[in-house]
Amino acid sequence: MGIYEKVDSSKNHKPFKREMAVGRLLFEGYTPTSRFDLRPANTFYSFNPIDGFGLRLGGRINLKLVNG
């Protein structure tokens, strides 16, 4: 098996996909979904003495939305 076949087959390997998702979350700070990338969980909530507890939702679109 050549290197190109190994790289192509690793893209479909579930543990590899999981490791890539964790790496992307750690380094980029976003969790990819089908057409939208969500923020990491530690930014979904906030607290300050004046407003109290607050929930936030944020993210960005990805190329799957743009390319259809």
N, C-alpha and C. Protein backbone atom coordinates (compact mmCIF):
# COMPACT_ATOMS: atom_id res chain seq x y z
N MET A 1 0.84 -1.17 0.00
CA MET A 1 0.00 0.00 0.00
C MET A 1 0.89 1.24 0.00
N GLY A 2 0.66 2.13 -0.92
CA GLY A 2 1.45 3.35 -1.02
C GLY A 2 1.00 4.41 -0.03
N ILE A 3 1.76 5.46 0.04
CA ILE A 3 1.47 6.54 0.99
C ILE A 3 0.15 7.23 0.67
N TYR A 4 -0.16 7.39 -0.61
CA TYR A 4 -1.41 8.06 -0.98
C TYR A 4 -2.63 7.24 -0.59
N GLU A 5 -2.53 5.94 -0.73
CA GLU A 5 -3.63 5.08 -0.33
C GLU A 5 -3.82 5.10 1.19
N LYS A 6 -2.70 5.15 1.94
CA LYS A 6 -2.80 5.21 3.40
C LYS A 6 -3.44 6.51 3.86
N VAL A 7 -3.05 7.61 3.25
CA VAL A 7 -3.64 8.90 3.61
C VAL A 7 -5.13 8.91 3.29
N ASP A 8 -5.50 8.42 2.12
CA ASP A 8 -6.91 8.38 1.74
C ASP A 8 -7.72 7.48 2.65
N SER A 9 -7.17 6.33 3.03
CA SER A 9 -7.91 5.42 3.90
C SER A 9 -8.00 5.95 5.33
N SER A 10 -7.01 6.72 5.78
CA SER A 10 -7.06 7.25 7.15
C SER A 10 -8.12 8.32 7.30
N LYS A 11 -8.49 9.00 6.23
CA LYS A 11 -9.53 10.02 6.30
C LYS A 11 -10.89 9.42 6.66
N ASN A 12 -11.09 8.15 6.36
CA ASN A 12 -12.36 7.49 6.65
C ASN A 12 -12.31 6.68 7.94
N HIS A 13 -11.21 6.69 8.64
CA HIS A 13 -11.02 5.93 9.88
C HIS A 13 -11.57 6.74 11.05
N LYS A 14 -12.55 6.18 11.81
CA LYS A 14 -13.23 6.93 12.87
C LYS A 14 -12.30 7.49 13.94
N PRO A 15 -11.32 6.72 14.46
CA PRO A 15 -10.43 7.32 15.46
C PRO A 15 -9.63 8.50 14.92
N PHE A 16 -9.23 8.43 13.65
CA PHE A 16 -8.51 9.55 13.05
C PHE A 16 -9.40 10.77 12.94
N LYS A 17 -10.66 10.57 12.55
CA LYS A 17 -11.60 11.69 12.47
C LYS A 17 -11.81 12.34 13.83
N ARG A 18 -11.91 11.51 14.87
CA ARG A 18 -12.10 12.02 16.22
C ARG A 18 -10.88 12.83 16.67
N GLU A 19 -9.68 12.33 16.40
CA GLU A 19 -8.47 13.05 16.78
C GLU A 19 -8.36 14.37 16.03
N MET A 20 -8.74 14.39 14.79
CA MET A 20 -8.71 15.63 14.02
C MET A 20 -9.73 16.63 14.57
N ALA A 21 -10.90 16.16 14.99
CA ALA A 21 -11.91 17.06 15.55
C ALA A 21 -11.42 17.66 16.87
N VAL A 22 -10.78 16.85 17.70
CA VAL A 22 -10.25 17.36 18.97
C VAL A 22 -9.12 18.34 18.71
N GLY A 23 -8.25 18.03 17.77
CA GLY A 23 -7.17 18.94 17.42
C GLY A 23 -7.68 20.26 16.88
N ARG A 24 -8.70 20.19 16.05
CA ARG A 24 -9.29 21.43 15.50
C ARG A 24 -9.91 22.27 16.62
N LEU A 25 -10.57 21.61 17.57
CA LEU A 25 -11.16 22.33 18.69
C LEU A 25 -10.08 23.01 19.53
N LEU A 26 -8.99 22.31 19.78
CA LEU A 26 -7.91 22.87 20.60
C LEU A 26 -7.17 24.00 19.91
N PHE A 27 -6.87 23.83 18.63
CA PHE A 27 -6.05 24.81 17.94
C PHE A 27 -6.85 25.93 17.28
N GLU A 28 -8.00 25.61 16.70
CA GLU A 28 -8.82 26.63 16.04
C GLU A 28 -9.88 27.21 16.96
N GLY A 29 -10.34 26.41 17.91
CA GLY A 29 -11.37 26.88 18.83
C GLY A 29 -12.79 26.71 18.33
N TYR A 30 -12.98 25.99 17.26
CA TYR A 30 -14.32 25.79 16.71
C TYR A 30 -14.61 24.31 16.54
N THR A 31 -15.88 23.94 16.68
CA THR A 31 -16.33 22.58 16.44
C THR A 31 -17.11 22.55 15.13
N PRO A 32 -16.64 21.83 14.12
CA PRO A 32 -17.34 21.84 12.84
C PRO A 32 -18.63 21.02 12.87
N THR A 33 -19.66 21.55 12.25
CA THR A 33 -20.90 20.82 12.01
C THR A 33 -21.08 20.76 10.50
N SER A 34 -22.27 20.49 10.02
CA SER A 34 -22.45 20.31 8.58
C SER A 34 -22.16 21.60 7.79
N ARG A 35 -22.72 22.72 8.20
CA ARG A 35 -22.51 23.96 7.45
C ARG A 35 -22.14 25.15 8.33
N PHE A 36 -21.95 24.89 9.60
CA PHE A 36 -21.70 25.97 10.56
C PHE A 36 -20.71 25.45 11.60
N ASP A 37 -19.73 26.27 11.96
CA ASP A 37 -18.75 25.88 12.98
C ASP A 37 -19.10 26.58 14.28
N LEU A 38 -19.29 25.80 15.35
CA LEU A 38 -19.67 26.35 16.65
C LEU A 38 -18.45 26.71 17.48
N ARG A 39 -18.63 27.66 18.38
CA ARG A 39 -17.58 28.02 19.33
C ARG A 39 -17.35 26.88 20.30
N PRO A 40 -16.21 26.89 21.01
CA PRO A 40 -16.02 25.89 22.05
C PRO A 40 -16.97 26.11 23.22
N ALA A 41 -17.19 25.06 24.00
CA ALA A 41 -18.18 25.09 25.07
C ALA A 41 -17.87 26.12 26.14
N ASN A 42 -16.61 26.44 26.37
CA ASN A 42 -16.30 27.40 27.43
C ASN A 42 -16.70 28.83 27.10
N THR A 43 -17.12 29.11 25.87
CA THR A 43 -17.59 30.45 25.53
C THR A 43 -19.11 30.51 25.38
N PHE A 44 -19.82 29.41 25.64
CA PHE A 44 -21.27 29.41 25.54
C PHE A 44 -21.93 30.11 26.71
N TYR A 45 -21.22 30.27 27.80
CA TYR A 45 -21.81 30.90 28.98
C TYR A 45 -20.86 31.96 29.52
N SER A 46 -21.42 32.90 30.24
CA SER A 46 -20.61 33.95 30.87
C SER A 46 -21.29 34.37 32.15
N PHE A 47 -20.54 35.07 32.96
CA PHE A 47 -21.07 35.57 34.23
C PHE A 47 -20.35 36.86 34.58
N ASN A 48 -21.10 37.85 35.00
CA ASN A 48 -20.52 39.04 35.58
C ASN A 48 -21.44 39.52 36.70
N PRO A 49 -20.92 40.32 37.63
CA PRO A 49 -21.71 40.71 38.81
C PRO A 49 -22.95 41.54 38.48
N ILE A 50 -22.94 42.27 37.40
CA ILE A 50 -24.07 43.14 37.08
C ILE A 50 -25.18 42.38 36.37
N ASP A 51 -24.84 41.68 35.30
CA ASP A 51 -25.85 40.97 34.50
C ASP A 51 -26.13 39.57 35.01
N GLY A 52 -25.20 38.98 35.73
CA GLY A 52 -25.38 37.61 36.20
C GLY A 52 -24.97 36.60 35.15
N PHE A 53 -25.68 35.49 35.13
CA PHE A 53 -25.38 34.39 34.23
C PHE A 53 -25.97 34.69 32.85
N GLY A 54 -25.21 34.41 31.80
CA GLY A 54 -25.70 34.63 30.44
C GLY A 54 -25.23 33.54 29.50
N LEU A 55 -26.08 33.22 28.54
CA LEU A 55 -25.74 32.23 27.51
C LEU A 55 -25.45 32.96 26.20
N ARG A 56 -24.47 32.46 25.49
CA ARG A 56 -24.11 33.03 24.20
C ARG A 56 -23.96 31.90 23.19
N LEU A 57 -24.34 32.18 21.97
CA LEU A 57 -24.15 31.23 20.88
C LEU A 57 -23.38 31.96 19.80
N GLY A 58 -22.34 31.34 19.32
CA GLY A 58 -21.54 32.00 18.28
C GLY A 58 -20.91 30.97 17.38
N GLY A 59 -20.42 31.43 16.28
CA GLY A 59 -19.77 30.54 15.34
C GLY A 59 -19.45 31.25 14.06
N ARG A 60 -19.25 30.44 13.05
CA ARG A 60 -18.94 30.96 11.72
C ARG A 60 -19.44 29.97 10.68
N ILE A 61 -19.65 30.46 9.48
CA ILE A 61 -20.03 29.55 8.39
C ILE A 61 -18.77 28.91 7.86
N ASN A 62 -18.92 27.76 7.23
CA ASN A 62 -17.76 27.10 6.64
C ASN A 62 -17.97 26.94 5.12
N LEU A 63 -17.01 26.36 4.46
CA LEU A 63 -17.06 26.25 3.00
C LEU A 63 -18.18 25.35 2.50
N LYS A 64 -18.67 24.44 3.33
CA LYS A 64 -19.78 23.57 2.90
C LYS A 64 -21.04 24.39 2.64
N LEU A 65 -21.25 25.46 3.41
CA LEU A 65 -22.41 26.33 3.17
C LEU A 65 -22.20 27.15 1.90
N VAL A 66 -21.00 27.64 1.71
CA VAL A 66 -20.71 28.48 0.56
C VAL A 66 -20.75 27.67 -0.73
N ASN A 67 -20.18 26.49 -0.71
CA ASN A 67 -20.10 25.66 -1.94
C ASN A 67 -21.34 24.81 -2.18
N GLY A 68 -22.24 24.78 -1.20
CA GLY A 68 -23.49 24.06 -1.37
C GLY A 68 -23.35 22.67 -1.06
